[in-house]
Amino acid sequence: MRNTEKFIKKWEKDKQKGKFKYVLTAGIMTGTGSLVGSVIGRLTYGNSIYSLMDVHLYFASFLGGFIGGVVGSLARWSSNEEKYNHLVNNK
């Protein structure tokens, strides 16, 4: 029961911010995570002298993460809406 109430409160808060902000935030967070992972990977396993020069690879990593985050958050928005409506209507 506690998880249900926690989900309802969190989703109400996320809904108030709006779908655009929810999707954009998820995209930026996922893109940033991909970027950081890419930089760490290149510094750890690559030639560190030239690794930071590969800006196009980091941009591609961020962009891929951003797009993945946007697509994933759009799917989560719909499923969270359905879950929220089901929980609120059946309470």
N, C-alpha and C. Protein backbone atom coordinates (compact mmCIF):
# COMPACT_ATOMS: atom_id res chain seq x y z
N MET A 1 0.82 -1.20 0.00
CA MET A 1 0.00 0.00 0.00
C MET A 1 0.87 1.27 0.00
N ARG A 2 1.95 1.23 0.73
CA ARG A 2 2.82 2.40 0.83
C ARG A 2 3.42 2.76 -0.53
N ASN A 3 3.84 1.76 -1.32
CA ASN A 3 4.39 2.03 -2.64
C ASN A 3 3.35 2.66 -3.56
N THR A 4 2.11 2.24 -3.40
CA THR A 4 1.03 2.80 -4.21
C THR A 4 0.86 4.29 -3.91
N GLU A 5 0.82 4.63 -2.65
CA GLU A 5 0.67 6.04 -2.26
C GLU A 5 1.88 6.86 -2.71
N LYS A 6 3.05 6.27 -2.60
CA LYS A 6 4.28 6.95 -3.01
C LYS A 6 4.26 7.21 -4.53
N PHE A 7 3.83 6.21 -5.30
CA PHE A 7 3.73 6.37 -6.75
C PHE A 7 2.74 7.47 -7.11
N ILE A 8 1.57 7.45 -6.45
CA ILE A 8 0.52 8.44 -6.76
C ILE A 8 1.04 9.85 -6.48
N LYS A 9 1.69 10.06 -5.34
CA LYS A 9 2.21 11.40 -5.01
C LYS A 9 3.28 11.84 -6.00
N LYS A 10 4.19 10.93 -6.32
CA LYS A 10 5.27 11.27 -7.25
C LYS A 10 4.72 11.55 -8.64
N TRP A 11 3.78 10.73 -9.09
CA TRP A 11 3.25 10.94 -10.44
C TRP A 11 2.44 12.23 -10.53
N GLU A 12 1.71 12.57 -9.48
CA GLU A 12 0.97 13.84 -9.47
C GLU A 12 1.94 15.01 -9.59
N LYS A 13 3.07 14.92 -8.91
CA LYS A 13 4.08 15.96 -8.97
C LYS A 13 4.70 16.04 -10.38
N ASP A 14 5.02 14.88 -10.96
CA ASP A 14 5.58 14.85 -12.31
C ASP A 14 4.58 15.37 -13.34
N LYS A 15 3.31 15.01 -13.17
CA LYS A 15 2.27 15.46 -14.11
C LYS A 15 2.11 16.98 -14.09
N GLN A 16 2.23 17.56 -12.91
CA GLN A 16 2.09 19.01 -12.79
C GLN A 16 3.16 19.75 -13.59
N LYS A 17 4.36 19.17 -13.64
CA LYS A 17 5.45 19.80 -14.40
C LYS A 17 5.17 19.76 -15.90
N GLY A 18 4.43 18.76 -16.32
CA GLY A 18 4.06 18.64 -17.73
C GLY A 18 4.88 17.60 -18.47
N LYS A 19 4.29 17.13 -19.54
CA LYS A 19 4.89 16.06 -20.34
C LYS A 19 6.20 16.52 -20.99
N PHE A 20 6.21 17.73 -21.53
CA PHE A 20 7.41 18.22 -22.21
C PHE A 20 8.60 18.26 -21.27
N LYS A 21 8.42 18.82 -20.10
CA LYS A 21 9.52 18.94 -19.14
C LYS A 21 9.96 17.56 -18.65
N TYR A 22 9.00 16.66 -18.45
CA TYR A 22 9.30 15.29 -18.03
C TYR A 22 10.17 14.58 -19.07
N VAL A 23 9.78 14.69 -20.33
CA VAL A 23 10.50 14.02 -21.42
C VAL A 23 11.86 14.67 -21.64
N LEU A 24 11.92 15.99 -21.63
CA LEU A 24 13.18 16.70 -21.83
C LEU A 24 14.18 16.39 -20.71
N THR A 25 13.72 16.39 -19.48
CA THR A 25 14.59 16.08 -18.35
C THR A 25 15.15 14.67 -18.46
N ALA A 26 14.30 13.72 -18.79
CA ALA A 26 14.77 12.33 -18.94
C ALA A 26 15.78 12.22 -20.07
N GLY A 27 15.54 12.90 -21.16
CA GLY A 27 16.47 12.87 -22.29
C GLY A 27 17.82 13.46 -21.92
N ILE A 28 17.81 14.58 -21.25
CA ILE A 28 19.07 15.23 -20.86
C ILE A 28 19.82 14.37 -19.85
N MET A 29 19.12 13.80 -18.90
CA MET A 29 19.78 12.97 -17.89
C MET A 29 20.39 11.71 -18.52
N THR A 30 19.66 11.07 -19.41
CA THR A 30 20.17 9.87 -20.06
C THR A 30 21.32 10.22 -21.00
N GLY A 31 21.19 11.30 -21.73
CA GLY A 31 22.27 11.75 -22.62
C GLY A 31 23.53 12.10 -21.85
N THR A 32 23.37 12.77 -20.73
CA THR A 32 24.52 13.11 -19.90
C THR A 32 25.19 11.86 -19.34
N GLY A 33 24.38 10.91 -18.92
CA GLY A 33 24.93 9.64 -18.44
C GLY A 33 25.72 8.92 -19.52
N SER A 34 25.21 8.92 -20.73
CA SER A 34 25.91 8.30 -21.85
C SER A 34 27.22 9.03 -22.15
N LEU A 35 27.17 10.34 -22.09
CA LEU A 35 28.36 11.15 -22.33
C LEU A 35 29.44 10.86 -21.29
N VAL A 36 29.07 10.87 -20.03
CA VAL A 36 30.02 10.61 -18.95
C VAL A 36 30.60 9.20 -19.08
N GLY A 37 29.74 8.23 -19.36
CA GLY A 37 30.21 6.86 -19.54
C GLY A 37 31.16 6.74 -20.70
N SER A 38 30.88 7.45 -21.77
CA SER A 38 31.73 7.43 -22.95
C SER A 38 33.11 8.04 -22.64
N VAL A 39 33.12 9.16 -21.96
CA VAL A 39 34.39 9.81 -21.60
C VAL A 39 35.20 8.90 -20.68
N ILE A 40 34.57 8.34 -19.68
CA ILE A 40 35.28 7.44 -18.76
C ILE A 40 35.82 6.22 -19.50
N GLY A 41 35.00 5.67 -20.37
CA GLY A 41 35.45 4.51 -21.14
C GLY A 41 36.64 4.82 -22.03
N ARG A 42 36.58 5.96 -22.71
CA ARG A 42 37.69 6.33 -23.59
C ARG A 42 38.95 6.63 -22.80
N LEU A 43 38.83 7.25 -21.64
CA LEU A 43 40.01 7.54 -20.83
C LEU A 43 40.59 6.28 -20.20
N THR A 44 39.72 5.33 -19.89
CA THR A 44 40.17 4.10 -19.25
C THR A 44 40.79 3.13 -20.25
N TYR A 45 40.14 2.96 -21.40
CA TYR A 45 40.58 1.94 -22.34
C TYR A 45 41.21 2.49 -23.61
N GLY A 46 41.12 3.77 -23.83
CA GLY A 46 41.67 4.36 -25.05
C GLY A 46 43.01 5.01 -24.78
N ASN A 47 43.53 5.64 -25.78
CA ASN A 47 44.75 6.41 -25.66
C ASN A 47 44.36 7.76 -25.09
N SER A 48 44.67 8.01 -23.84
CA SER A 48 44.15 9.18 -23.14
C SER A 48 44.64 10.50 -23.72
N ILE A 49 45.75 10.49 -24.46
CA ILE A 49 46.25 11.74 -25.04
C ILE A 49 45.27 12.26 -26.10
N TYR A 50 44.73 11.34 -26.90
CA TYR A 50 43.84 11.74 -27.99
C TYR A 50 42.36 11.55 -27.65
N SER A 51 42.08 10.89 -26.57
CA SER A 51 40.70 10.54 -26.25
C SER A 51 39.78 11.75 -26.10
N LEU A 52 40.27 12.79 -25.50
CA LEU A 52 39.40 13.95 -25.27
C LEU A 52 39.22 14.78 -26.54
N MET A 53 39.96 14.48 -27.60
CA MET A 53 39.84 15.21 -28.85
C MET A 53 38.68 14.70 -29.70
N ASP A 54 38.15 13.55 -29.39
CA ASP A 54 37.10 12.93 -30.19
C ASP A 54 35.72 13.49 -29.84
N VAL A 55 35.55 14.78 -30.04
CA VAL A 55 34.32 15.47 -29.66
C VAL A 55 33.13 14.90 -30.40
N HIS A 56 33.30 14.54 -31.65
CA HIS A 56 32.17 14.00 -32.43
C HIS A 56 31.66 12.69 -31.84
N LEU A 57 32.56 11.89 -31.27
CA LEU A 57 32.12 10.64 -30.64
C LEU A 57 31.32 10.93 -29.36
N TYR A 58 31.75 11.93 -28.63
CA TYR A 58 31.03 12.29 -27.40
C TYR A 58 29.67 12.90 -27.73
N PHE A 59 29.63 13.69 -28.78
CA PHE A 59 28.35 14.27 -29.21
C PHE A 59 27.39 13.16 -29.64
N ALA A 60 27.91 12.20 -30.39
CA ALA A 60 27.07 11.08 -30.83
C ALA A 60 26.59 10.27 -29.63
N SER A 61 27.44 10.10 -28.65
CA SER A 61 27.06 9.37 -27.45
C SER A 61 25.95 10.10 -26.70
N PHE A 62 26.12 11.42 -26.55
CA PHE A 62 25.09 12.21 -25.87
C PHE A 62 23.78 12.17 -26.66
N LEU A 63 23.88 12.35 -27.96
CA LEU A 63 22.68 12.38 -28.80
C LEU A 63 21.93 11.05 -28.75
N GLY A 64 22.67 9.94 -28.82
CA GLY A 64 22.05 8.62 -28.73
C GLY A 64 21.36 8.42 -27.39
N GLY A 65 22.03 8.82 -26.32
CA GLY A 65 21.42 8.73 -24.99
C GLY A 65 20.20 9.62 -24.86
N PHE A 66 20.29 10.82 -25.41
CA PHE A 66 19.18 11.76 -25.36
C PHE A 66 17.96 11.19 -26.07
N ILE A 67 18.17 10.67 -27.28
CA ILE A 67 17.06 10.11 -28.05
C ILE A 67 16.47 8.90 -27.32
N GLY A 68 17.33 8.05 -26.79
CA GLY A 68 16.85 6.90 -26.02
C GLY A 68 16.06 7.32 -24.79
N GLY A 69 16.53 8.35 -24.11
CA GLY A 69 15.83 8.86 -22.94
C GLY A 69 14.47 9.44 -23.27
N VAL A 70 14.39 10.15 -24.39
CA VAL A 70 13.12 10.73 -24.84
C VAL A 70 12.12 9.63 -25.19
N VAL A 71 12.56 8.65 -25.98
CA VAL A 71 11.68 7.56 -26.38
C VAL A 71 11.21 6.77 -25.16
N GLY A 72 12.14 6.46 -24.27
CA GLY A 72 11.78 5.72 -23.06
C GLY A 72 10.83 6.48 -22.16
N SER A 73 11.05 7.78 -22.01
CA SER A 73 10.18 8.57 -21.14
C SER A 73 8.79 8.76 -21.74
N LEU A 74 8.71 8.81 -23.06
CA LEU A 74 7.38 8.88 -23.69
C LEU A 74 6.58 7.61 -23.40
N ALA A 75 7.24 6.47 -23.47
CA ALA A 75 6.57 5.20 -23.15
C ALA A 75 6.21 5.15 -21.66
N ARG A 76 7.11 5.62 -20.80
CA ARG A 76 6.82 5.63 -19.36
C ARG A 76 5.67 6.57 -19.03
N TRP A 77 5.60 7.70 -19.71
CA TRP A 77 4.51 8.65 -19.46
C TRP A 77 3.16 7.96 -19.66
N SER A 78 3.02 7.27 -20.77
CA SER A 78 1.75 6.59 -21.07
C SER A 78 1.45 5.50 -20.06
N SER A 79 2.44 4.68 -19.75
CA SER A 79 2.19 3.58 -18.80
C SER A 79 1.94 4.12 -17.39
N ASN A 80 2.63 5.18 -17.01
CA ASN A 80 2.39 5.77 -15.68
C ASN A 80 1.01 6.41 -15.60
N GLU A 81 0.55 7.01 -16.70
CA GLU A 81 -0.80 7.58 -16.74
C GLU A 81 -1.85 6.48 -16.53
N GLU A 82 -1.67 5.38 -17.24
CA GLU A 82 -2.61 4.26 -17.10
C GLU A 82 -2.59 3.71 -15.68
N LYS A 83 -1.40 3.51 -15.14
CA LYS A 83 -1.28 3.00 -13.78
C LYS A 83 -1.91 3.95 -12.77
N TYR A 84 -1.64 5.23 -12.93
CA TYR A 84 -2.19 6.24 -12.02
C TYR A 84 -3.71 6.25 -12.08
N ASN A 85 -4.27 6.28 -13.29
CA ASN A 85 -5.72 6.29 -13.43
C ASN A 85 -6.35 5.03 -12.84
N HIS A 86 -5.72 3.90 -13.04
CA HIS A 86 -6.23 2.64 -12.48
C HIS A 86 -6.21 2.68 -10.95
N LEU A 87 -5.10 3.16 -10.38
CA LEU A 87 -5.00 3.19 -8.92
C LEU A 87 -5.97 4.19 -8.30
N VAL A 88 -6.12 5.36 -8.92
CA VAL A 88 -6.99 6.39 -8.37
C VAL A 88 -8.47 5.98 -8.50
N ASN A 89 -8.85 5.39 -9.62
CA ASN A 89 -10.23 5.01 -9.84
C ASN A 89 -10.65 3.79 -9.03
N ASN A 90 -9.72 2.94 -8.67
CA ASN A 90 -10.04 1.73 -7.94
C ASN A 90 -9.72 1.82 -6.45
N LYS A 91 -9.51 3.02 -5.97
CA LYS A 91 -9.17 3.21 -4.55
C LYS A 91 -10.39 3.14 -3.69
